Amino acid sequence: MYSINSETNLIEGEFMIPVVYSGNRRIFEGLCLSVMALARVTMEQLKVHVLTMDLSYENPNFLPFSDEQIALLDKIVKRSNPKSEVVKIDVTKEYVDNLSKGKNHKNGYTPYATLRLLLDLLPNMPERMIYMDIDTMCVSDIKQLADVNIDDFDFGATKDYMGRFWINRHYCNSGVMIMNMTKIKEDKLFEKCRAKVNRTKMVMPDQTALNKYGKKKYLPFIFNEQRKIKENTVVKHFCKGILFFLPFGFYIYNIKQWQRDKVHKWLHITRFDDLYAQIDVFKKNYPICFQK
């Protein structure tokens, strides 16, 4: 086993890789595919934390992941390592108390995108964690990211492919991060980010706040590949992109990994076809998990 320099990641004498996602029930297929890809590329022990909440009183689509969905994910990760596990963390109260009245509660993104800013309020969380958006797919062993030394930083992240040109050259994409929770708490990073998100209307609120206040280590694009998969890619991020057409046209696309026809036709990616076949079996055997 390997160490990621944090005694709090020690469970029963062995080290593990803590991973965090956040989202709601409607995008379970995306979460399932991402976890399948994650578990496929590593034999290491994983502890996957899924942040979710119930805001169905204001939007019927804002339901938390169900226990049945989490149980299926737990079965998936245990196929690679029986000691791996998936746990659900309901942060409804934390969100309502800290972010629900802010200026970005209603935004172009769902409020679930900001749940990671609550991690410092949760007890018994690992000191080092990998955060991944649900629209990410691992291509090779996530251990490579877990091994990155960020002792002197709040988090490590890659630059945003488009933001480095259109916003500023230091602007990072927060869809994949390795987080140093000890430093984050010392620097009060998430506390500062919550305050900024609450008082200032922004297009990409949590990402912009993290860029403004975070002490970040710049990582190579292999850890958050926002365009074509390369030979050494570790994580492919299915985020927004832009296609240019001569002489002056362009098209902004936002194709997710669960939109398999578009992934094939427009992105020409077939690397995850075996996972699509597996998830079709899951849909047949566990239909309750894929009901929206």
Protein backbone atom coordinates (compact mmCIF):
# COMPACT_ATOMS: atom_id res chain seq x y z
CA MET A 1 0.00 0.00 0.00
CA TYR A 2 1.05 3.63 -0.37
CA SER A 3 0.96 6.69 1.82
CA ILE A 4 -0.52 10.07 0.91
CA ASN A 5 1.08 11.67 3.96
CA SER A 6 -1.93 11.83 6.24
CA GLU A 7 -2.40 9.75 9.34
CA THR A 8 -6.13 10.36 9.21
CA ASN A 9 -6.33 8.32 6.03
CA LEU A 10 -5.16 5.29 8.01
CA ILE A 11 -7.93 2.74 8.44
CA GLU A 12 -7.21 -0.53 10.23
CA GLY A 13 -3.52 -0.18 9.51
CA GLU A 14 -3.88 0.42 5.78
CA PHE A 15 -3.93 3.52 3.63
CA MET A 16 -6.81 4.30 1.32
CA ILE A 17 -7.75 6.85 -1.34
CA PRO A 18 -10.60 9.15 -0.26
CA VAL A 19 -12.70 10.51 -3.15
CA VAL A 20 -15.57 13.03 -2.99
CA TYR A 21 -18.46 13.58 -5.40
CA SER A 22 -21.58 15.71 -5.03
CA GLY A 23 -24.93 15.65 -6.80
CA ASN A 24 -28.54 14.54 -6.87
CA ARG A 25 -30.62 11.57 -7.92
CA ARG A 26 -31.27 12.68 -11.50
CA ILE A 27 -27.62 12.28 -12.51
CA PHE A 28 -27.07 8.88 -10.95
CA GLU A 29 -26.16 7.30 -14.29
CA GLY A 30 -23.28 9.77 -14.59
CA LEU A 31 -22.13 9.08 -11.03
CA CYS A 32 -22.36 5.35 -11.61
CA LEU A 33 -20.24 5.55 -14.78
CA SER A 34 -17.66 7.74 -13.03
CA VAL A 35 -17.38 5.37 -10.06
CA MET A 36 -17.17 2.38 -12.41
CA ALA A 37 -14.28 4.03 -14.26
CA LEU A 38 -12.59 4.97 -10.98
CA ALA A 39 -12.78 1.44 -9.57
CA ARG A 40 -11.68 -0.13 -12.85
CA VAL A 41 -8.31 1.63 -12.96
CA THR A 42 -7.08 1.02 -9.40
CA MET A 43 -6.78 -1.95 -7.08
CA GLU A 44 -6.20 0.34 -4.11
CA GLN A 45 -8.70 0.75 -1.31
CA LEU A 46 -11.18 3.51 -2.08
CA LYS A 47 -13.51 5.39 0.22
CA VAL A 48 -15.98 7.30 -1.91
CA HIS A 49 -17.92 10.06 -0.15
CA VAL A 50 -21.09 11.18 -1.97
CA LEU A 51 -22.40 14.55 -0.83
CA THR A 52 -26.09 15.06 -1.49
CA MET A 53 -29.14 16.88 -0.12
CA ASP A 54 -32.92 17.15 -0.31
CA LEU A 55 -34.23 20.42 -1.73
CA SER A 56 -37.33 18.86 -3.29
CA TYR A 57 -39.52 21.34 -1.41
CA GLU A 58 -38.40 23.99 -3.89
CA ASN A 59 -37.61 21.83 -6.94
CA PRO A 60 -38.97 18.27 -7.42
CA ASN A 61 -35.78 17.34 -9.27
CA PHE A 62 -33.59 18.15 -6.27
CA LEU A 63 -33.78 14.77 -4.55
CA PRO A 64 -30.84 13.16 -2.74
CA PHE A 65 -29.25 9.95 -3.94
CA SER A 66 -31.18 6.99 -2.59
CA ASP A 67 -29.82 4.29 -0.30
CA GLU A 68 -30.36 1.76 -3.10
CA GLN A 69 -28.16 3.82 -5.43
CA ILE A 70 -25.39 4.09 -2.87
CA ALA A 71 -25.60 0.34 -2.19
CA LEU A 72 -25.10 -0.37 -5.90
CA LEU A 73 -22.07 1.90 -6.03
CA ASP A 74 -20.69 0.13 -2.97
CA LYS A 75 -21.00 -3.23 -4.76
CA ILE A 76 -19.18 -1.79 -7.76
CA VAL A 77 -16.12 -0.56 -5.85
CA LYS A 78 -15.89 -3.78 -3.85
CA ARG A 79 -15.38 -5.76 -7.05
CA SER A 80 -11.91 -4.23 -7.36
CA ASN A 81 -11.08 -4.18 -3.65
CA PRO A 82 -13.36 -5.73 -1.00
CA LYS A 83 -12.24 -3.11 1.53
CA SER A 84 -13.44 -0.23 -0.63
CA GLU A 85 -16.72 1.46 0.23
CA VAL A 86 -19.15 4.18 -0.79
CA VAL A 87 -20.87 6.32 1.82
CA LYS A 88 -23.64 8.89 1.47
CA ILE A 89 -23.39 12.16 3.39
CA ASP A 90 -26.57 14.21 3.58
CA VAL A 91 -25.60 17.87 3.90
CA THR A 92 -29.08 19.37 3.64
CA LYS A 93 -28.83 21.12 7.00
CA GLU A 94 -25.31 22.43 6.35
CA TYR A 95 -26.39 23.82 2.97
CA VAL A 96 -29.58 25.42 4.27
CA ASP A 97 -27.71 27.01 7.19
CA ASN A 98 -24.72 28.27 5.19
CA LEU A 99 -25.53 28.75 1.49
CA SER A 100 -29.27 28.62 0.77
CA LYS A 101 -29.85 32.34 1.31
CA GLY A 102 -26.91 33.50 -0.78
CA LYS A 103 -26.96 35.26 -4.14
CA ASN A 104 -25.92 32.10 -6.01
CA HIS A 105 -28.51 29.73 -4.59
CA LYS A 106 -30.29 30.02 -7.92
CA ASN A 107 -27.66 29.96 -10.62
CA GLY A 108 -26.93 28.48 -14.03
CA TYR A 109 -25.56 25.51 -12.10
CA THR A 110 -27.51 23.51 -9.55
CA PRO A 111 -26.84 24.23 -5.86
CA TYR A 112 -25.24 20.78 -5.62
CA ALA A 113 -22.13 22.21 -7.31
CA THR A 114 -21.33 24.19 -4.14
CA LEU A 115 -21.59 21.31 -1.66
CA ARG A 116 -17.83 20.77 -1.54
CA LEU A 117 -17.55 24.17 0.14
CA LEU A 118 -19.16 22.53 3.19
CA LEU A 119 -16.50 19.87 3.68
CA ASP A 120 -14.75 21.77 6.47
CA LEU A 121 -17.99 21.64 8.50
CA LEU A 122 -18.29 17.85 8.40
CA PRO A 123 -16.81 15.70 11.17
CA ASN A 124 -14.40 12.79 10.70
CA MET A 125 -13.42 13.59 7.12
CA PRO A 126 -9.96 12.62 5.77
CA GLU A 127 -7.24 15.24 5.76
CA ARG A 128 -6.49 14.63 2.08
CA MET A 129 -9.26 14.04 -0.43
CA ILE A 130 -9.66 13.91 -4.17
CA TYR A 131 -12.70 15.83 -5.38
CA MET A 132 -14.14 14.94 -8.80
CA ASP A 133 -17.15 16.30 -10.65
CA ILE A 134 -19.63 13.66 -11.70
CA ASP A 135 -18.84 14.34 -15.39
CA THR A 136 -15.34 12.88 -15.02
CA MET A 137 -14.06 9.46 -16.06
CA CYS A 138 -10.77 7.93 -14.92
CA VAL A 139 -8.58 6.61 -17.71
CA SER A 140 -5.64 5.41 -15.60
CA ASP A 141 -4.85 4.85 -11.92
CA ILE A 142 -6.08 7.67 -9.66
CA LYS A 143 -3.21 6.77 -7.32
CA GLN A 144 -1.08 9.06 -9.48
CA LEU A 145 -3.13 12.03 -8.31
CA ALA A 146 -3.32 10.81 -4.70
CA ASP A 147 0.48 10.70 -4.61
CA VAL A 148 0.88 14.40 -5.51
CA ASN A 149 2.46 16.36 -2.66
CA ILE A 150 0.37 19.40 -1.72
CA ASP A 151 1.64 19.89 1.85
CA ASP A 152 2.10 23.65 1.32
CA PHE A 153 -1.09 24.22 -0.67
CA ASP A 154 -4.86 24.28 -0.11
CA PHE A 155 -5.40 22.17 -3.20
CA GLY A 156 -3.90 21.03 -6.46
CA ALA A 157 -5.76 21.60 -9.74
CA THR A 158 -5.14 22.05 -13.45
CA LYS A 159 -5.71 25.26 -15.34
CA ASP A 160 -9.03 25.71 -17.07
CA TYR A 161 -8.58 25.06 -20.78
CA MET A 162 -10.61 28.10 -21.89
CA GLY A 163 -10.49 30.17 -18.71
CA ARG A 164 -6.70 30.56 -18.87
CA PHE A 165 -7.22 32.58 -22.07
CA TRP A 166 -10.55 34.32 -21.40
CA ILE A 167 -10.40 34.94 -17.63
CA ASN A 168 -6.74 34.91 -16.58
CA ARG A 169 -3.76 32.69 -17.18
CA HIS A 170 -3.81 31.36 -13.61
CA TYR A 171 -7.51 30.39 -13.61
CA CYS A 172 -8.03 26.75 -12.60
CA ASN A 173 -10.77 24.26 -13.36
CA SER A 174 -12.06 22.89 -10.06
CA GLY A 175 -13.69 19.78 -11.54
CA VAL A 176 -10.77 17.66 -10.32
CA MET A 177 -8.84 18.66 -7.21
CA ILE A 178 -6.65 17.06 -4.60
CA MET A 179 -7.50 18.89 -1.39
CA ASN A 180 -5.43 19.45 1.72
CA MET A 181 -8.15 19.83 4.34
CA THR A 182 -5.65 20.67 7.09
CA LYS A 183 -4.41 23.70 5.15
CA ILE A 184 -7.92 24.58 3.97
CA LYS A 185 -9.09 24.79 7.58
CA GLU A 186 -6.02 26.73 8.67
CA ASP A 187 -6.50 29.24 5.85
CA LYS A 188 -10.30 29.31 6.33
CA LEU A 189 -10.55 28.81 2.56
CA PHE A 190 -14.02 27.31 2.39
CA GLU A 191 -15.29 29.85 4.93
CA LYS A 192 -14.03 32.67 2.69
CA CYS A 193 -15.50 30.98 -0.39
CA ARG A 194 -18.92 30.60 1.22
CA ALA A 195 -18.93 34.26 2.15
CA LYS A 196 -17.99 35.27 -1.41
CA VAL A 197 -20.59 32.97 -2.96
CA ASN A 198 -23.26 34.36 -0.65
CA ARG A 199 -22.59 38.04 -1.29
CA THR A 200 -21.55 38.18 -4.98
CA LYS A 201 -23.51 36.90 -7.97
CA MET A 202 -21.14 34.94 -10.24
CA VAL A 203 -21.40 32.75 -13.33
CA MET A 204 -19.25 29.97 -11.87
CA PRO A 205 -19.55 30.83 -8.18
CA ASP A 206 -17.67 28.16 -6.25
CA GLN A 207 -14.94 27.75 -8.87
CA THR A 208 -14.37 31.50 -9.06
CA ALA A 209 -14.21 31.78 -5.25
CA LEU A 210 -11.75 28.89 -5.02
CA ASN A 211 -9.56 30.60 -7.62
CA LYS A 212 -9.71 33.93 -5.80
CA TYR A 213 -8.79 32.72 -2.31
CA GLY A 214 -7.10 29.35 -2.70
CA LYS A 215 -3.37 28.70 -2.51
CA LYS A 216 -3.17 26.22 -5.35
CA LYS A 217 -0.60 23.94 -6.89
CA TYR A 218 -0.85 23.84 -10.66
CA LEU A 219 -1.11 20.30 -11.97
CA PRO A 220 -0.57 19.01 -15.52
CA PHE A 221 -3.59 18.47 -17.77
CA ILE A 222 -3.25 14.69 -17.43
CA PHE A 223 -5.22 15.02 -14.16
CA ASN A 224 -8.09 16.97 -15.73
CA GLU A 225 -8.06 16.50 -19.48
CA GLN A 226 -10.70 18.85 -20.83
CA ARG A 227 -10.19 17.98 -24.49
CA LYS A 228 -8.99 14.82 -26.26
CA ILE A 229 -7.80 11.84 -24.23
CA LYS A 230 -4.02 11.50 -24.45
CA GLU A 231 -1.79 8.49 -23.92
CA ASN A 232 -0.97 9.57 -20.34
CA THR A 233 -4.38 10.97 -19.35
CA VAL A 234 -5.46 10.08 -15.82
CA VAL A 235 -8.90 11.78 -15.73
CA LYS A 236 -11.04 12.82 -18.67
CA HIS A 237 -13.43 15.69 -17.86
CA PHE A 238 -16.58 15.93 -19.98
CA CYS A 239 -16.95 19.68 -19.44
CA LYS A 240 -18.00 22.45 -21.80
CA GLY A 241 -15.89 22.95 -24.89
CA ILE A 242 -15.82 25.04 -28.02
CA LEU A 243 -15.49 24.11 -31.69
CA PHE A 244 -14.37 26.74 -34.19
CA PHE A 245 -15.56 26.78 -37.79
CA LEU A 246 -13.77 28.78 -40.45
CA PRO A 247 -13.85 31.61 -41.06
CA PHE A 248 -15.67 33.04 -38.00
CA GLY A 249 -18.11 30.51 -36.57
CA PHE A 250 -17.96 28.57 -33.32
CA TYR A 251 -20.13 26.18 -31.34
CA ILE A 252 -20.13 25.64 -27.56
CA TYR A 253 -20.88 22.04 -26.63
CA ASN A 254 -21.55 20.38 -23.29
CA ILE A 255 -21.55 16.61 -23.84
CA LYS A 256 -21.54 14.34 -20.78
CA GLN A 257 -20.27 10.78 -20.58
CA TRP A 258 -23.78 9.35 -20.12
CA GLN A 259 -24.85 10.82 -23.49
CA ARG A 260 -23.20 7.91 -25.24
CA ASP A 261 -24.52 8.61 -28.75
CA LYS A 262 -23.09 12.13 -28.66
CA VAL A 263 -19.87 10.86 -27.08
CA HIS A 264 -19.48 8.54 -30.06
CA LYS A 265 -20.68 10.87 -32.81
CA TRP A 266 -19.21 14.21 -31.75
CA LEU A 267 -16.30 13.39 -29.45
CA HIS A 268 -15.32 10.12 -31.20
CA ILE A 269 -14.64 8.45 -27.84
CA THR A 270 -15.17 4.68 -27.61
CA ARG A 271 -12.88 3.98 -24.66
CA PHE A 272 -15.80 3.56 -22.25
CA ASP A 273 -17.96 1.28 -24.37
CA ASP A 274 -17.41 -1.68 -22.04
CA LEU A 275 -18.74 0.43 -19.16
CA TYR A 276 -21.80 1.36 -21.20
CA ALA A 277 -22.44 -2.34 -21.72
CA GLN A 278 -22.09 -2.98 -17.98
CA ILE A 279 -24.40 -0.16 -17.00
CA ASP A 280 -27.06 -1.52 -19.35
CA VAL A 281 -26.94 -4.71 -17.29
CA PHE A 282 -27.25 -2.69 -14.08
CA LYS A 283 -30.28 -0.89 -15.50
CA LYS A 284 -31.93 -4.24 -16.13
CA ASN A 285 -31.01 -5.78 -12.76
CA TYR A 286 -31.41 -2.66 -10.58
CA PRO A 287 -34.14 -0.59 -12.30
CA ILE A 288 -35.06 1.29 -9.12
CA CYS A 289 -31.61 2.87 -9.09
CA PHE A 290 -32.07 4.45 -12.51
CA GLN A 291 -35.57 5.84 -12.05
CA LYS A 292 -35.57 9.63 -12.16
